[in-house]
Structures are given as C-alpha cells and as structure tokens.
Amino acid sequence: MEKPLKSADDVYNEAEAAAELRISIERLHTLLDRKVFNEGSPRPGSLSFQSSDLLLLRFWLEQDPPRVIQMPGRRIRRGTGTDDFETQR
C-alpha cells in the first residue's frame, strides 16, 4: 500500500482525498454514500479526511472494484464477409 504524501496529522479535502485514492470525486461520494451515509443521514456539503480515513476508504475500494461488463465473444467467420453478394453472383 502506498504511503500518503502528507503526514498523519494533515487534513485532506475531498479533492485531495480523491486524488490520493486515484478516483474521481463522484466515485468518492458514491463510496461514502454506500458505506457511511447509508442510514438516512445526508452527506455534508464538504468533508475533510485524515490519513486513517484514507486507509479505510482504500480498503473499501479494494473490496468493491468497479463493475466491468464483459463483451460477448466474437464468432470468427471465414470468407471475405461478402457472403450475400457472392451467393447472388
């Protein structure tokens, strides 16, 4: 795990925390809404974080990777791809 750029006593704002975690602010908000502010309490307008908060957020990010949609496999088709044209000839 990487060491934060700031010391343990420093405070991170939302943009700095997102940059440290290498995620967007929107993804940070989504993570906080799912893991912290999920019992009906609204997320405050601005937040600040300490290094220990970033450690927990990084753990949650590793436990909850973004969903990736798999594309279906392509069937390999032999020929020139002009079957209709060649059939009518």
C-alpha atoms as a PDB file:
ATOM      1  CA  MET A   1       0.000   0.000   0.000  1.00  0.00           C
ATOM      2  CA  GLU A   2       1.318   3.415  -0.870  1.00  0.00           C
ATOM      3  CA  LYS A   3       2.296   5.947   1.748  1.00  0.00           C
ATOM      4  CA  PRO A   4       0.258   9.187   1.662  1.00  0.00           C
ATOM      5  CA  LEU A   5       2.083  12.328   0.592  1.00  0.00           C
ATOM      6  CA  LYS A   6       1.045  14.205   3.720  1.00  0.00           C
ATOM      7  CA  SER A   7       1.854  13.401   7.338  1.00  0.00           C
ATOM      8  CA  ALA A   8      -0.616  11.530   9.564  1.00  0.00           C
ATOM      9  CA  ASP A   9      -1.778  14.771  11.216  1.00  0.00           C
ATOM     10  CA  ASP A  10      -2.651  16.555   7.972  1.00  0.00           C
ATOM     11  CA  VAL A  11      -6.191  17.009   6.758  1.00  0.00           C
ATOM     12  CA  TYR A  12      -7.327  16.254   3.198  1.00  0.00           C
ATOM     13  CA  ASN A  13     -10.256  17.941   1.488  1.00  0.00           C
ATOM     14  CA  GLU A  14     -12.477  15.958  -0.893  1.00  0.00           C
ATOM     15  CA  ALA A  15     -10.427  16.757  -3.992  1.00  0.00           C
ATOM     16  CA  GLU A  16      -7.142  15.863  -2.277  1.00  0.00           C
ATOM     17  CA  ALA A  17      -8.595  12.642  -0.879  1.00  0.00           C
ATOM     18  CA  ALA A  18      -9.933  11.597  -4.277  1.00  0.00           C
ATOM     19  CA  ALA A  19      -6.577  12.392  -5.885  1.00  0.00           C
ATOM     20  CA  GLU A  20      -4.731  10.412  -3.222  1.00  0.00           C
ATOM     21  CA  LEU A  21      -7.068   7.447  -3.817  1.00  0.00           C
ATOM     22  CA  ARG A  22      -6.801   7.926  -7.605  1.00  0.00           C
ATOM     23  CA  ILE A  23     -10.551   8.118  -8.075  1.00  0.00           C
ATOM     24  CA  SER A  24     -12.978  10.839  -9.125  1.00  0.00           C
ATOM     25  CA  ILE A  25     -14.787  12.976  -6.572  1.00  0.00           C
ATOM     26  CA  GLU A  26     -18.051  11.458  -7.833  1.00  0.00           C
ATOM     27  CA  ARG A  27     -16.777   7.954  -7.084  1.00  0.00           C
ATOM     28  CA  LEU A  28     -15.644   9.126  -3.644  1.00  0.00           C
ATOM     29  CA  HIS A  29     -19.145  10.472  -2.997  1.00  0.00           C
ATOM     30  CA  THR A  30     -20.717   7.213  -4.177  1.00  0.00           C
ATOM     31  CA  LEU A  31     -18.448   5.195  -1.911  1.00  0.00           C
ATOM     32  CA  LEU A  32     -19.242   7.413   1.071  1.00  0.00           C
ATOM     33  CA  ASP A  33     -22.972   7.268   0.344  1.00  0.00           C
ATOM     34  CA  ARG A  34     -22.886   3.459   0.264  1.00  0.00           C
ATOM     35  CA  LYS A  35     -20.563   2.842   3.211  1.00  0.00           C
ATOM     36  CA  VAL A  36     -21.010   5.780   5.595  1.00  0.00           C
ATOM     37  CA  PHE A  37     -24.109   7.841   4.900  1.00  0.00           C
ATOM     38  CA  ASN A  38     -26.442   4.910   4.303  1.00  0.00           C
ATOM     39  CA  GLU A  39     -28.783   5.074   7.271  1.00  0.00           C
ATOM     40  CA  GLY A  40     -30.718   8.115   6.090  1.00  0.00           C
ATOM     41  CA  SER A  41     -28.165  10.682   7.196  1.00  0.00           C
ATOM     42  CA  PRO A  42     -27.286  13.005   4.317  1.00  0.00           C
ATOM     43  CA  ARG A  43     -23.689  13.557   3.268  1.00  0.00           C
ATOM     44  CA  PRO A  44     -22.470  17.014   4.410  1.00  0.00           C
ATOM     45  CA  GLY A  45     -21.703  19.620   1.761  1.00  0.00           C
ATOM     46  CA  SER A  46     -17.956  19.406   2.348  1.00  0.00           C
ATOM     47  CA  LEU A  47     -15.869  16.804   4.102  1.00  0.00           C
ATOM     48  CA  SER A  48     -12.344  16.540   5.409  1.00  0.00           C
ATOM     49  CA  PHE A  49     -10.321  13.375   5.878  1.00  0.00           C
ATOM     50  CA  GLN A  50      -7.303  12.220   7.850  1.00  0.00           C
ATOM     51  CA  SER A  51      -4.795   9.602   6.736  1.00  0.00           C
ATOM     52  CA  SER A  52      -6.607   6.925   8.739  1.00  0.00           C
ATOM     53  CA  ASP A  53      -9.814   7.764   6.842  1.00  0.00           C
ATOM     54  CA  LEU A  54      -7.999   7.301   3.540  1.00  0.00           C
ATOM     55  CA  LEU A  55      -6.732   3.931   4.699  1.00  0.00           C
ATOM     56  CA  LEU A  56     -10.289   2.739   5.347  1.00  0.00           C
ATOM     57  CA  LEU A  57     -11.554   4.228   2.077  1.00  0.00           C
ATOM     58  CA  ARG A  58      -8.749   2.482   0.166  1.00  0.00           C
ATOM     59  CA  PHE A  59      -9.699  -0.813   1.846  1.00  0.00           C
ATOM     60  CA  TRP A  60     -13.334  -0.364   0.796  1.00  0.00           C
ATOM     61  CA  LEU A  61     -12.279   0.432  -2.759  1.00  0.00           C
ATOM     62  CA  GLU A  62     -10.225  -2.749  -2.968  1.00  0.00           C
ATOM     63  CA  GLN A  63     -13.145  -4.783  -1.616  1.00  0.00           C
ATOM     64  CA  ASP A  64     -15.593  -3.222  -4.052  1.00  0.00           C
ATOM     65  CA  PRO A  65     -14.000  -2.990  -7.512  1.00  0.00           C
ATOM     66  CA  PRO A  66     -15.971  -1.218 -10.233  1.00  0.00           C
ATOM     67  CA  ARG A  67     -18.235  -3.468 -12.250  1.00  0.00           C
ATOM     68  CA  VAL A  68     -16.978  -4.344 -15.696  1.00  0.00           C
ATOM     69  CA  ILE A  69     -19.379  -5.508 -18.357  1.00  0.00           C
ATOM     70  CA  GLN A  70     -17.940  -8.317 -20.439  1.00  0.00           C
ATOM     71  CA  MET A  71     -18.472  -8.071 -24.164  1.00  0.00           C
ATOM     72  CA  PRO A  72     -19.709 -11.279 -25.784  1.00  0.00           C
ATOM     73  CA  GLY A  73     -17.119 -13.259 -27.704  1.00  0.00           C
ATOM     74  CA  ARG A  74     -16.998 -12.792 -31.454  1.00  0.00           C
ATOM     75  CA  ARG A  75     -17.567 -15.730 -33.711  1.00  0.00           C
ATOM     76  CA  ILE A  76     -14.832 -15.986 -36.293  1.00  0.00           C
ATOM     77  CA  ARG A  77     -16.338 -16.014 -39.728  1.00  0.00           C
ATOM     78  CA  ARG A  78     -14.449 -17.455 -42.659  1.00  0.00           C
ATOM     79  CA  GLY A  79     -14.515 -15.810 -46.053  1.00  0.00           C
ATOM     80  CA  THR A  80     -14.493 -12.248 -47.258  1.00  0.00           C
ATOM     81  CA  GLY A  81     -17.534 -11.087 -45.336  1.00  0.00           C
ATOM     82  CA  THR A  82     -19.487 -10.569 -48.556  1.00  0.00           C
ATOM     83  CA  ASP A  83     -21.390 -13.865 -48.471  1.00  0.00           C
ATOM     84  CA  ASP A  84     -24.670 -12.346 -49.668  1.00  0.00           C
ATOM     85  CA  PHE A  85     -23.032 -10.693 -52.616  1.00  0.00           C
ATOM     86  CA  GLU A  86     -21.034 -13.766 -53.611  1.00  0.00           C
ATOM     87  CA  THR A  87     -24.068 -16.061 -53.336  1.00  0.00           C
ATOM     88  CA  GLN A  88     -26.113 -13.928 -55.730  1.00  0.00           C
ATOM     89  CA  ARG A  89     -23.375 -13.924 -58.398  1.00  0.00           C
END
